[in-house]
Structure formats: structure tokens, C-alpha cells
C-alpha atoms as a PDB file:
ATOM      1  CA  MET A   1     -31.891   9.839 -11.721  1.00  0.00           C
ATOM      2  CA  VAL A   2     -32.316  12.779 -14.104  1.00  0.00           C
ATOM      3  CA  GLY A   3     -31.849  11.734 -17.734  1.00  0.00           C
ATOM      4  CA  LYS A   4     -32.206  13.297 -21.156  1.00  0.00           C
ATOM      5  CA  LYS A   5     -35.684  13.054 -22.594  1.00  0.00           C
ATOM      6  CA  ILE A   6     -35.744  11.906 -26.261  1.00  0.00           C
ATOM      7  CA  PHE A   7     -38.666  13.190 -28.328  1.00  0.00           C
ATOM      8  CA  LYS A   8     -39.994  11.100 -31.217  1.00  0.00           C
ATOM      9  CA  GLN A   9     -39.473  12.550 -34.679  1.00  0.00           C
ATOM     10  CA  PRO A  10     -40.325  11.288 -38.213  1.00  0.00           C
ATOM     11  CA  ALA A  11     -37.847   8.626 -39.356  1.00  0.00           C
ATOM     12  CA  GLY A  12     -34.635  10.117 -40.708  1.00  0.00           C
ATOM     13  CA  CYS A  13     -35.598  13.774 -40.152  1.00  0.00           C
ATOM     14  CA  PHE A  14     -35.415  16.333 -37.366  1.00  0.00           C
ATOM     15  CA  LEU A  15     -38.142  18.579 -38.766  1.00  0.00           C
ATOM     16  CA  GLN A  16     -37.876  20.939 -35.811  1.00  0.00           C
ATOM     17  CA  TYR A  17     -34.472  22.078 -37.111  1.00  0.00           C
ATOM     18  CA  GLY A  18     -35.157  21.633 -40.856  1.00  0.00           C
ATOM     19  CA  LEU A  19     -32.558  18.861 -41.076  1.00  0.00           C
ATOM     20  CA  CYS A  20     -32.814  15.479 -42.751  1.00  0.00           C
ATOM     21  CA  LEU A  21     -30.257  12.765 -41.957  1.00  0.00           C
ATOM     22  CA  SER A  22     -29.431   9.533 -43.714  1.00  0.00           C
ATOM     23  CA  PRO A  23     -30.467   6.334 -41.899  1.00  0.00           C
ATOM     24  CA  PHE A  24     -26.788   5.495 -41.277  1.00  0.00           C
ATOM     25  CA  VAL A  25     -25.997   8.857 -39.679  1.00  0.00           C
ATOM     26  CA  LEU A  26     -29.198   8.676 -37.666  1.00  0.00           C
ATOM     27  CA  LEU A  27     -28.196   5.247 -36.339  1.00  0.00           C
ATOM     28  CA  LEU A  28     -24.784   6.536 -35.270  1.00  0.00           C
ATOM     29  CA  SER A  29     -26.419   9.498 -33.548  1.00  0.00           C
ATOM     30  CA  PHE A  30     -28.851   7.214 -31.732  1.00  0.00           C
ATOM     31  CA  LEU A  31     -26.023   4.957 -30.546  1.00  0.00           C
ATOM     32  CA  GLY A  32     -24.172   8.030 -29.320  1.00  0.00           C
ATOM     33  CA  ILE A  33     -27.189   9.071 -27.283  1.00  0.00           C
ATOM     34  CA  LEU A  34     -27.407   5.604 -25.717  1.00  0.00           C
ATOM     35  CA  PHE A  35     -23.703   5.656 -24.870  1.00  0.00           C
ATOM     36  CA  ASP A  36     -24.016   9.077 -23.303  1.00  0.00           C
ATOM     37  CA  ALA A  37     -27.018   7.977 -21.229  1.00  0.00           C
ATOM     38  CA  ALA A  38     -25.166   4.880 -20.023  1.00  0.00           C
ATOM     39  CA  ALA A  39     -22.147   6.941 -19.023  1.00  0.00           C
ATOM     40  CA  TYR A  40     -24.358   9.388 -17.144  1.00  0.00           C
ATOM     41  CA  GLY A  41     -26.123   6.576 -15.329  1.00  0.00           C
ATOM     42  CA  SER A  42     -22.818   5.199 -14.056  1.00  0.00           C
ATOM     43  CA  SER A  43     -21.845   8.508 -12.493  1.00  0.00           C
ATOM     44  CA  SER A  44     -21.280   8.457  -8.730  1.00  0.00           C
ATOM     45  CA  GLN A  45     -23.734  11.331  -8.527  1.00  0.00           C
ATOM     46  CA  GLY A  46     -26.331   9.632 -10.726  1.00  0.00           C
ATOM     47  CA  LYS A  47     -27.344   6.481  -8.874  1.00  0.00           C
ATOM     48  CA  LEU A  48     -28.981   6.830  -5.494  1.00  0.00           C
ATOM     49  CA  GLU A  49     -27.637   4.964  -2.477  1.00  0.00           C
ATOM     50  CA  GLU A  50     -28.779   4.569   1.111  1.00  0.00           C
ATOM     51  CA  TRP A  51     -26.255   4.344   3.933  1.00  0.00           C
ATOM     52  CA  ILE A  52     -27.701   2.644   7.014  1.00  0.00           C
ATOM     53  CA  VAL A  53     -26.640   2.742  10.668  1.00  0.00           C
ATOM     54  CA  VAL A  54     -28.363   0.269  13.021  1.00  0.00           C
ATOM     55  CA  SER A  55     -28.414   0.665  16.810  1.00  0.00           C
ATOM     56  CA  GLY A  56     -29.322  -2.235  19.083  1.00  0.00           C
ATOM     57  CA  GLY A  57     -30.703  -1.705  22.573  1.00  0.00           C
ATOM     58  CA  PRO A  58     -28.890  -1.495  25.923  1.00  0.00           C
ATOM     59  CA  ALA A  59     -29.025  -4.026  28.753  1.00  0.00           C
ATOM     60  CA  LEU A  60     -30.968  -3.180  31.902  1.00  0.00           C
ATOM     61  CA  ARG A  61     -28.944  -2.276  34.962  1.00  0.00           C
ATOM     62  CA  PHE A  62     -31.296  -4.542  36.951  1.00  0.00           C
ATOM     63  CA  PHE A  63     -29.627  -7.529  35.300  1.00  0.00           C
ATOM     64  CA  GLU A  64     -26.103  -6.132  34.955  1.00  0.00           C
ATOM     65  CA  HIS A  65     -25.537  -4.333  38.256  1.00  0.00           C
ATOM     66  CA  GLY A  66     -22.804  -5.917  40.348  1.00  0.00           C
ATOM     67  CA  LYS A  67     -21.350  -8.126  37.608  1.00  0.00           C
ATOM     68  CA  ALA A  68     -17.588  -8.158  37.171  1.00  0.00           C
ATOM     69  CA  ASP A  69     -18.084  -7.565  33.431  1.00  0.00           C
ATOM     70  CA  SER A  70     -21.074  -5.253  33.633  1.00  0.00           C
ATOM     71  CA  HIS A  71     -22.681  -4.076  30.372  1.00  0.00           C
ATOM     72  CA  ASP A  72     -24.117  -0.674  29.444  1.00  0.00           C
ATOM     73  CA  LYS A  73     -23.552   1.368  32.564  1.00  0.00           C
ATOM     74  CA  TYR A  74     -24.403   4.289  30.305  1.00  0.00           C
ATOM     75  CA  TRP A  75     -27.714   3.832  28.473  1.00  0.00           C
ATOM     76  CA  GLY A  76     -26.467   5.581  25.337  1.00  0.00           C
ATOM     77  CA  ASN A  77     -23.385   3.472  24.519  1.00  0.00           C
ATOM     78  CA  PHE A  78     -24.703   2.430  21.125  1.00  0.00           C
ATOM     79  CA  ILE A  79     -26.444   5.744  20.434  1.00  0.00           C
ATOM     80  CA  ARG A  80     -23.319   7.799  21.094  1.00  0.00           C
ATOM     81  CA  ALA A  81     -21.239   5.538  18.837  1.00  0.00           C
ATOM     82  CA  SER A  82     -23.906   5.630  16.110  1.00  0.00           C
ATOM     83  CA  VAL A  83     -23.962   9.431  16.197  1.00  0.00           C
ATOM     84  CA  ALA A  84     -20.171   9.512  15.852  1.00  0.00           C
ATOM     85  CA  ARG A  85     -20.351   7.201  12.838  1.00  0.00           C
ATOM     86  CA  ILE A  86     -23.156   9.194  11.192  1.00  0.00           C
ATOM     87  CA  GLU A  87     -21.127  12.397  11.606  1.00  0.00           C
ATOM     88  CA  GLN A  88     -18.179  10.603  10.017  1.00  0.00           C
ATOM     89  CA  LEU A  89     -20.293   9.412   7.096  1.00  0.00           C
ATOM     90  CA  GLN A  90     -21.748  12.865   6.542  1.00  0.00           C
ATOM     91  CA  LEU A  91     -18.255  14.248   5.938  1.00  0.00           C
ATOM     92  CA  SER A  92     -17.669  11.857   3.028  1.00  0.00           C
ATOM     93  CA  LYS A  93     -21.069  11.138   1.510  1.00  0.00           C
ATOM     94  CA  PRO A  94     -21.807  12.225  -2.095  1.00  0.00           C
ATOM     95  CA  GLN A  95     -24.953  14.219  -2.884  1.00  0.00           C
ATOM     96  CA  ASN A  96     -26.763  11.136  -4.178  1.00  0.00           C
ATOM     97  CA  VAL A  97     -26.568   9.368  -0.800  1.00  0.00           C
ATOM     98  CA  GLU A  98     -29.095   9.535   2.046  1.00  0.00           C
ATOM     99  CA  ILE A  99     -28.305   8.295   5.540  1.00  0.00           C
ATOM    100  CA  SER A 100     -30.911   6.396   7.560  1.00  0.00           C
ATOM    101  CA  TRP A 101     -30.692   5.504  11.243  1.00  0.00           C
ATOM    102  CA  LEU A 102     -32.543   2.385  12.443  1.00  0.00           C
ATOM    103  CA  VAL A 103     -32.944   2.007  16.211  1.00  0.00           C
ATOM    104  CA  PHE A 104     -34.337  -0.913  18.250  1.00  0.00           C
ATOM    105  CA  ARG A 105     -37.126   0.839  20.134  1.00  0.00           C
ATOM    106  CA  PRO A 106     -38.139  -1.714  22.853  1.00  0.00           C
ATOM    107  CA  GLY A 107     -34.662  -1.697  24.389  1.00  0.00           C
ATOM    108  CA  TYR A 108     -34.793   2.064  24.926  1.00  0.00           C
ATOM    109  CA  GLN A 109     -38.382   1.949  26.133  1.00  0.00           C
ATOM    110  CA  ARG A 110     -37.392  -0.522  28.864  1.00  0.00           C
ATOM    111  CA  ARG A 111     -34.303   1.434  29.826  1.00  0.00           C
ATOM    112  CA  SER A 112     -36.417   4.608  29.880  1.00  0.00           C
ATOM    113  CA  ARG A 113     -38.687   3.073  32.499  1.00  0.00           C
ATOM    114  CA  GLU A 114     -35.683   1.959  34.528  1.00  0.00           C
ATOM    115  CA  GLU A 115     -33.911   5.323  34.280  1.00  0.00           C
ATOM    116  CA  LYS A 116     -37.168   7.283  34.624  1.00  0.00           C
ATOM    117  CA  LEU A 117     -36.130   9.314  31.569  1.00  0.00           C
ATOM    118  CA  ASP A 118     -37.648   9.853  28.129  1.00  0.00           C
ATOM    119  CA  LEU A 119     -34.803   8.324  26.156  1.00  0.00           C
ATOM    120  CA  LEU A 120     -36.763   8.043  22.914  1.00  0.00           C
ATOM    121  CA  SER A 121     -37.166  11.828  22.791  1.00  0.00           C
ATOM    122  CA  GLN A 122     -33.429  12.220  23.298  1.00  0.00           C
ATOM    123  CA  ILE A 123     -32.744   9.891  20.365  1.00  0.00           C
ATOM    124  CA  ILE A 124     -35.244  11.768  18.188  1.00  0.00           C
ATOM    125  CA  SER A 125     -33.506  15.025  19.121  1.00  0.00           C
ATOM    126  CA  GLN A 126     -30.151  13.548  18.107  1.00  0.00           C
ATOM    127  CA  ALA A 127     -31.550  12.499  14.714  1.00  0.00           C
ATOM    128  CA  ASP A 128     -33.049  15.964  14.192  1.00  0.00           C
ATOM    129  CA  THR A 129     -29.712  17.590  14.999  1.00  0.00           C
ATOM    130  CA  LEU A 130     -27.934  15.284  12.556  1.00  0.00           C
ATOM    131  CA  GLY A 131     -30.590  15.831   9.889  1.00  0.00           C
ATOM    132  CA  VAL A 132     -31.056  12.113   9.179  1.00  0.00           C
ATOM    133  CA  GLN A 133     -34.132   9.920   8.862  1.00  0.00           C
ATOM    134  CA  LEU A 134     -34.837   7.936  12.033  1.00  0.00           C
ATOM    135  CA  TYR A 135     -36.705   4.629  11.818  1.00  0.00           C
ATOM    136  CA  TRP A 136     -37.698   2.523  14.799  1.00  0.00           C
ATOM    137  CA  PHE A 137     -37.866  -1.257  14.614  1.00  0.00           C
ATOM    138  CA  ASP A 138     -39.379  -3.539  17.250  1.00  0.00           C
ATOM    139  CA  THR A 139     -38.505  -6.944  15.778  1.00  0.00           C
ATOM    140  CA  LYS A 140     -35.902  -8.472  13.504  1.00  0.00           C
ATOM    141  CA  GLU A 141     -38.654  -9.003  10.933  1.00  0.00           C
ATOM    142  CA  GLU A 142     -39.217  -5.250  10.790  1.00  0.00           C
ATOM    143  CA  LEU A 143     -35.487  -4.657  10.351  1.00  0.00           C
ATOM    144  CA  VAL A 144     -35.236  -7.240   7.570  1.00  0.00           C
ATOM    145  CA  ASN A 145     -38.336  -5.807   5.900  1.00  0.00           C
ATOM    146  CA  TYR A 146     -36.791  -2.334   5.866  1.00  0.00           C
ATOM    147  CA  LEU A 147     -33.518  -3.606   4.437  1.00  0.00           C
ATOM    148  CA  ASN A 148     -35.372  -5.415   1.658  1.00  0.00           C
ATOM    149  CA  PHE A 149     -38.200  -2.994   0.920  1.00  0.00           C
ATOM    150  CA  GLY A 150     -37.628   0.285   2.793  1.00  0.00           C
ATOM    151  CA  LYS A 151     -36.482   1.732  -0.537  1.00  0.00           C
ATOM    152  CA  ASP A 152     -36.733   0.422  -4.075  1.00  0.00           C
ATOM    153  CA  ARG A 153     -33.432  -1.444  -3.952  1.00  0.00           C
ATOM    154  CA  LYS A 154     -33.213  -1.637  -7.720  1.00  0.00           C
ATOM    155  CA  TYR A 155     -32.796   2.137  -7.807  1.00  0.00           C
ATOM    156  CA  GLU A 156     -31.513   2.855  -4.300  1.00  0.00           C
ATOM    157  CA  PRO A 157     -29.315   0.007  -3.040  1.00  0.00           C
ATOM    158  CA  ILE A 158     -27.475   0.026   0.282  1.00  0.00           C
ATOM    159  CA  GLY A 159     -23.918   1.289  -0.050  1.00  0.00           C
ATOM    160  CA  ASN A 160     -22.935   1.271   3.630  1.00  0.00           C
ATOM    161  CA  PHE A 161     -24.151  -0.681   6.658  1.00  0.00           C
ATOM    162  CA  ASP A 162     -22.942  -0.272  10.256  1.00  0.00           C
ATOM    163  CA  TYR A 163     -24.208  -2.208  13.285  1.00  0.00           C
ATOM    164  CA  PHE A 164     -23.751  -0.961  16.851  1.00  0.00           C
ATOM    165  CA  GLY A 165     -25.050  -3.245  19.567  1.00  0.00           C
ATOM    166  CA  HIS A 166     -24.600  -6.491  21.414  1.00  0.00           C
ATOM    167  CA  SER A 167     -23.496  -9.480  19.383  1.00  0.00           C
ATOM    168  CA  ASN A 168     -21.741 -12.800  19.625  1.00  0.00           C
ATOM    169  CA  LYS A 169     -19.961 -14.871  17.009  1.00  0.00           C
ATOM    170  CA  ALA A 170     -23.259 -16.070  15.469  1.00  0.00           C
ATOM    171  CA  CYS A 171     -25.750 -13.201  15.707  1.00  0.00           C
ATOM    172  CA  PHE A 172     -26.713  -9.602  16.353  1.00  0.00           C
ATOM    173  CA  MET A 173     -28.536  -9.407  19.710  1.00  0.00           C
ATOM    174  CA  PHE A 174     -30.855  -6.418  19.826  1.00  0.00           C
ATOM    175  CA  ASP A 175     -32.189  -6.966  23.363  1.00  0.00           C
ATOM    176  CA  TYR A 176     -29.381  -8.706  25.257  1.00  0.00           C
ATOM    177  CA  SER A 177     -30.071  -8.626  29.035  1.00  0.00           C
ATOM    178  CA  SER A 178     -33.072  -6.413  28.393  1.00  0.00           C
ATOM    179  CA  GLN A 179     -35.825  -8.956  29.025  1.00  0.00           C
ATOM    180  CA  PHE A 180     -33.835 -11.841  30.512  1.00  0.00           C
ATOM    181  CA  ASP A 181     -30.427 -11.927  32.156  1.00  0.00           C
ATOM    182  CA  ASN A 182     -27.677 -12.872  29.669  1.00  0.00           C
ATOM    183  CA  LEU A 183     -30.230 -13.797  27.004  1.00  0.00           C
ATOM    184  CA  SER A 184     -31.721 -12.273  23.873  1.00  0.00           C
ATOM    185  CA  GLN A 185     -35.138 -12.869  22.340  1.00  0.00           C
ATOM    186  CA  GLU A 186     -34.785 -10.448  19.419  1.00  0.00           C
ATOM    187  CA  PHE A 187     -31.710 -11.380  17.421  1.00  0.00           C
ATOM    188  CA  LEU A 188     -30.577 -11.901  13.845  1.00  0.00           C
ATOM    189  CA  HIS A 189     -28.797 -15.256  13.613  1.00  0.00           C
ATOM    190  CA  GLU A 190     -26.404 -16.223  10.824  1.00  0.00           C
ATOM    191  CA  LYS A 191     -28.910 -18.907   9.761  1.00  0.00           C
ATOM    192  CA  GLU A 192     -31.452 -16.130   9.184  1.00  0.00           C
ATOM    193  CA  LEU A 193     -29.302 -14.133   6.755  1.00  0.00           C
ATOM    194  CA  SER A 194     -31.232 -15.864   3.983  1.00  0.00           C
ATOM    195  CA  LEU A 195     -34.182 -13.619   4.930  1.00  0.00           C
ATOM    196  CA  ILE A 196     -32.247 -10.667   3.519  1.00  0.00           C
ATOM    197  CA  ASP A 197     -32.277 -10.280  -0.263  1.00  0.00           C
ATOM    198  CA  LYS A 198     -28.848 -10.831  -1.811  1.00  0.00           C
ATOM    199  CA  LYS A 199     -29.273  -7.927  -4.235  1.00  0.00           C
ATOM    200  CA  ILE A 200     -29.959  -5.031  -1.867  1.00  0.00           C
ATOM    201  CA  PHE A 201     -26.303  -3.957  -1.549  1.00  0.00           C
ATOM    202  CA  THR A 202     -24.033  -2.228  -4.033  1.00  0.00           C
ATOM    203  CA  LYS A 203     -21.134  -4.337  -5.280  1.00  0.00           C
ATOM    204  CA  LYS A 204     -18.662  -2.226  -3.307  1.00  0.00           C
ATOM    205  CA  ALA A 205     -20.749  -1.707  -0.170  1.00  0.00           C
ATOM    206  CA  THR A 206     -18.927  -1.106   3.114  1.00  0.00           C
ATOM    207  CA  ILE A 207     -20.247  -3.372   5.877  1.00  0.00           C
ATOM    208  CA  LYS A 208     -19.077  -3.371   9.500  1.00  0.00           C
ATOM    209  CA  SER A 209     -20.286  -4.820  12.777  1.00  0.00           C
ATOM    210  CA  TRP A 210     -18.975  -2.903  15.769  1.00  0.00           C
ATOM    211  CA  GLY A 211     -20.273  -5.547  18.200  1.00  0.00           C
ATOM    212  CA  CYS A 212     -18.244  -8.148  20.067  1.00  0.00           C
ATOM    213  CA  HIS A 213     -17.045 -11.367  18.383  1.00  0.00           C
ATOM    214  CA  SER A 214     -18.752 -10.788  14.994  1.00  0.00           C
ATOM    215  CA  GLY A 215     -15.534 -11.475  13.109  1.00  0.00           C
ATOM    216  CA  GLU A 216     -15.200 -14.946  14.597  1.00  0.00           C
ATOM    217  CA  PHE A 217     -18.001 -16.519  12.547  1.00  0.00           C
ATOM    218  CA  PHE A 218     -20.789 -14.117  11.537  1.00  0.00           C
ATOM    219  CA  SER A 219     -18.581 -12.166   9.122  1.00  0.00           C
ATOM    220  CA  GLN A 220     -17.701 -15.299   7.181  1.00  0.00           C
ATOM    221  CA  LYS A 221     -21.352 -16.323   6.893  1.00  0.00           C
ATOM    222  CA  TRP A 222     -22.225 -12.792   5.759  1.00  0.00           C
ATOM    223  CA  LYS A 223     -19.676 -12.899   2.949  1.00  0.00           C
ATOM    224  CA  LYS A 224     -20.880 -16.343   1.891  1.00  0.00           C
ATOM    225  CA  ARG A 225     -24.455 -15.063   1.676  1.00  0.00           C
ATOM    226  CA  PHE A 226     -23.886 -11.680   0.005  1.00  0.00           C
ATOM    227  CA  GLY A 227     -20.446 -11.937  -1.584  1.00  0.00           C
ATOM    228  CA  ILE A 228     -19.473  -8.755   0.273  1.00  0.00           C
ATOM    229  CA  PRO A 229     -17.065  -8.708   3.246  1.00  0.00           C
ATOM    230  CA  MET A 230     -18.300  -7.683   6.692  1.00  0.00           C
ATOM    231  CA  ILE A 231     -15.631  -6.289   8.961  1.00  0.00           C
ATOM    232  CA  GLY A 232     -16.078  -7.727  12.445  1.00  0.00           C
ATOM    233  CA  ALA A 233     -14.203  -8.027  15.714  1.00  0.00           C
ATOM    234  CA  VAL A 234     -12.267 -11.014  16.944  1.00  0.00           C
ATOM    235  CA  GLY A 235     -12.686 -10.528  20.663  1.00  0.00           C
ATOM    236  CA  LYS A 236     -14.629  -7.790  22.416  1.00  0.00           C
ATOM    237  CA  THR A 237     -15.293  -4.159  21.541  1.00  0.00           C
ATOM    238  CA  ASP A 238     -15.332  -1.416  24.159  1.00  0.00           C
ATOM    239  CA  TYR A 239     -17.932   1.377  24.073  1.00  0.00           C
ATOM    240  CA  THR A 240     -16.667   3.394  27.030  1.00  0.00           C
ATOM    241  CA  SER A 241     -15.100   6.086  24.836  1.00  0.00           C
ATOM    242  CA  ALA A 242     -17.081   9.141  23.810  1.00  0.00           C
ATOM    243  CA  SER A 243     -16.806   8.171  20.154  1.00  0.00           C
ATOM    244  CA  LEU A 244     -16.513   4.965  18.144  1.00  0.00           C
ATOM    245  CA  PRO A 245     -15.868   1.742  20.059  1.00  0.00           C
ATOM    246  CA  TYR A 246     -12.376   0.303  20.133  1.00  0.00           C
ATOM    247  CA  LEU A 247     -11.031  -3.225  20.349  1.00  0.00           C
ATOM    248  CA  SER A 248     -10.340  -4.681  23.768  1.00  0.00           C
ATOM    249  CA  LYS A 249      -6.888  -6.088  24.568  1.00  0.00           C
ATOM    250  CA  ASN A 250      -5.687  -8.701  22.069  1.00  0.00           C
ATOM    251  CA  GLY A 251      -8.670  -8.076  19.791  1.00  0.00           C
ATOM    252  CA  LYS A 252      -8.488  -7.478  16.038  1.00  0.00           C
ATOM    253  CA  TRP A 253     -10.669  -6.567  13.077  1.00  0.00           C
ATOM    254  CA  THR A 254     -11.170  -9.169  10.398  1.00  0.00           C
ATOM    255  CA  GLN A 255     -13.457  -9.933   7.462  1.00  0.00           C
END
């Protein structure tokens, strides 16, 4: 934040301008300066914010092929949706906001080997095109560490958080069906929300999970922990569109 710099002068006098003020007038002037500084600091352009988009990893076709409800036929389900959301955020973000994109690297490394494609380079290219900072995370601990300490949260809190990836009613699943069929080893469970500092978000932060079933339990635990609603789905979300996911039949958004 850019503020006004106050230079020290002899008590009661601004010798630079040849003026001498009474102590009472000087006090009023000083209080006016403080008020002005406080008003400036509350400006929407004054305080920095970080808006974060998180992308979980896709399932492997080795595990999903042939299932009636097969996941992630396209490797970039969560990437494509994340890009659409980042583009949406860029249209509305103030100048004091920076957007960061956090992607679960191991899931795309495994799918790269299966597809025989360099998917990580494609994701990097997408981030470059968008002009946003890309951060890889390999574990939930790394994700939590970034949320808590990636920026000085006292001066740059999180004002928006979006999650794109597999989830159930109790957790985000970053590697669902990526190492083991129908299972996840890297996940953030509602009982682990205590690992995330309560004070990293702005008071009016926008939080949304675009994964399946988050609104059935996880959203309520999120609000209890942080005091901020998380919009989540009751039912499944569908990523087959070329943009943001939509609710499956009979689904709804809740917080």
C-alpha cells in the first residue's frame, strides 16, 4: 500500500513553510492526517488481495475405462474449467488483486505417462497465456502451506477461492482414481480444515467448490471453521461442457 510519508518537524512549527501553529490546531491537523490515512487504507484499490483457483488431478483411464459412470475421459476437465473461471475473474478483478493458479502436479504427471503427452507443458502454456502465476503442489501439506504462508496474509489476504476437482461430501480428493481405483491418498478432509489459518481470508471472501457433493457436508464444516460460506453442490457436477461445470439432474448449489 502506498501511503503519505509524514516528516518530523519541531513541535508546534512547520519551519519549512515559516508557519507556527498552536498545539490545539496542530493536534486537529494530526488527527485529520490519521483519518485520511485510515480512509485511504480502506479503499478497494489500497489493500492487496490474492484470488486463488485450485485444480485437482484427473483419474487414470486405466481405472475408469469401461465403467458405467466413467470419470475424466478428457484429461483436462479441471484445467479447462479453471481457465474459464480465471478468465471470468480477470474481467472483474480490481487493480489491487493478483490471481494465482495452484495445480496438483502428480495427477497430471501420471496422466501424461498414460496419454504419452507432456501435459504439464500444456498447463504452463495456459498459465502464460492467461498471465497468471502458476504454482504446483504435490501434497495437501504444500497446498495448506501456500494458503497460510504463500503471501503475507496480514497484508494480502485471500479474497476468492475456487476448487475444481474430485470431491465427496467430506473432502477434496486431489488424486481420485489416479493411484488406486476409486480411492484417494492425497485429500483434504473436513477434519483437517484446522490446518488452515482462520485469518487468511477477507471477511467478504467468495468461496466455491465446483466438485461433487461438497455442499452436503463439507460446506457446513468450512463455514463453522472460517465463518465464511462455501458454495458447494448437493449432488454431482458435470465437467463435460467446454466451460464451467454444471449441476447434474436434481442437483443444487448450497452453502
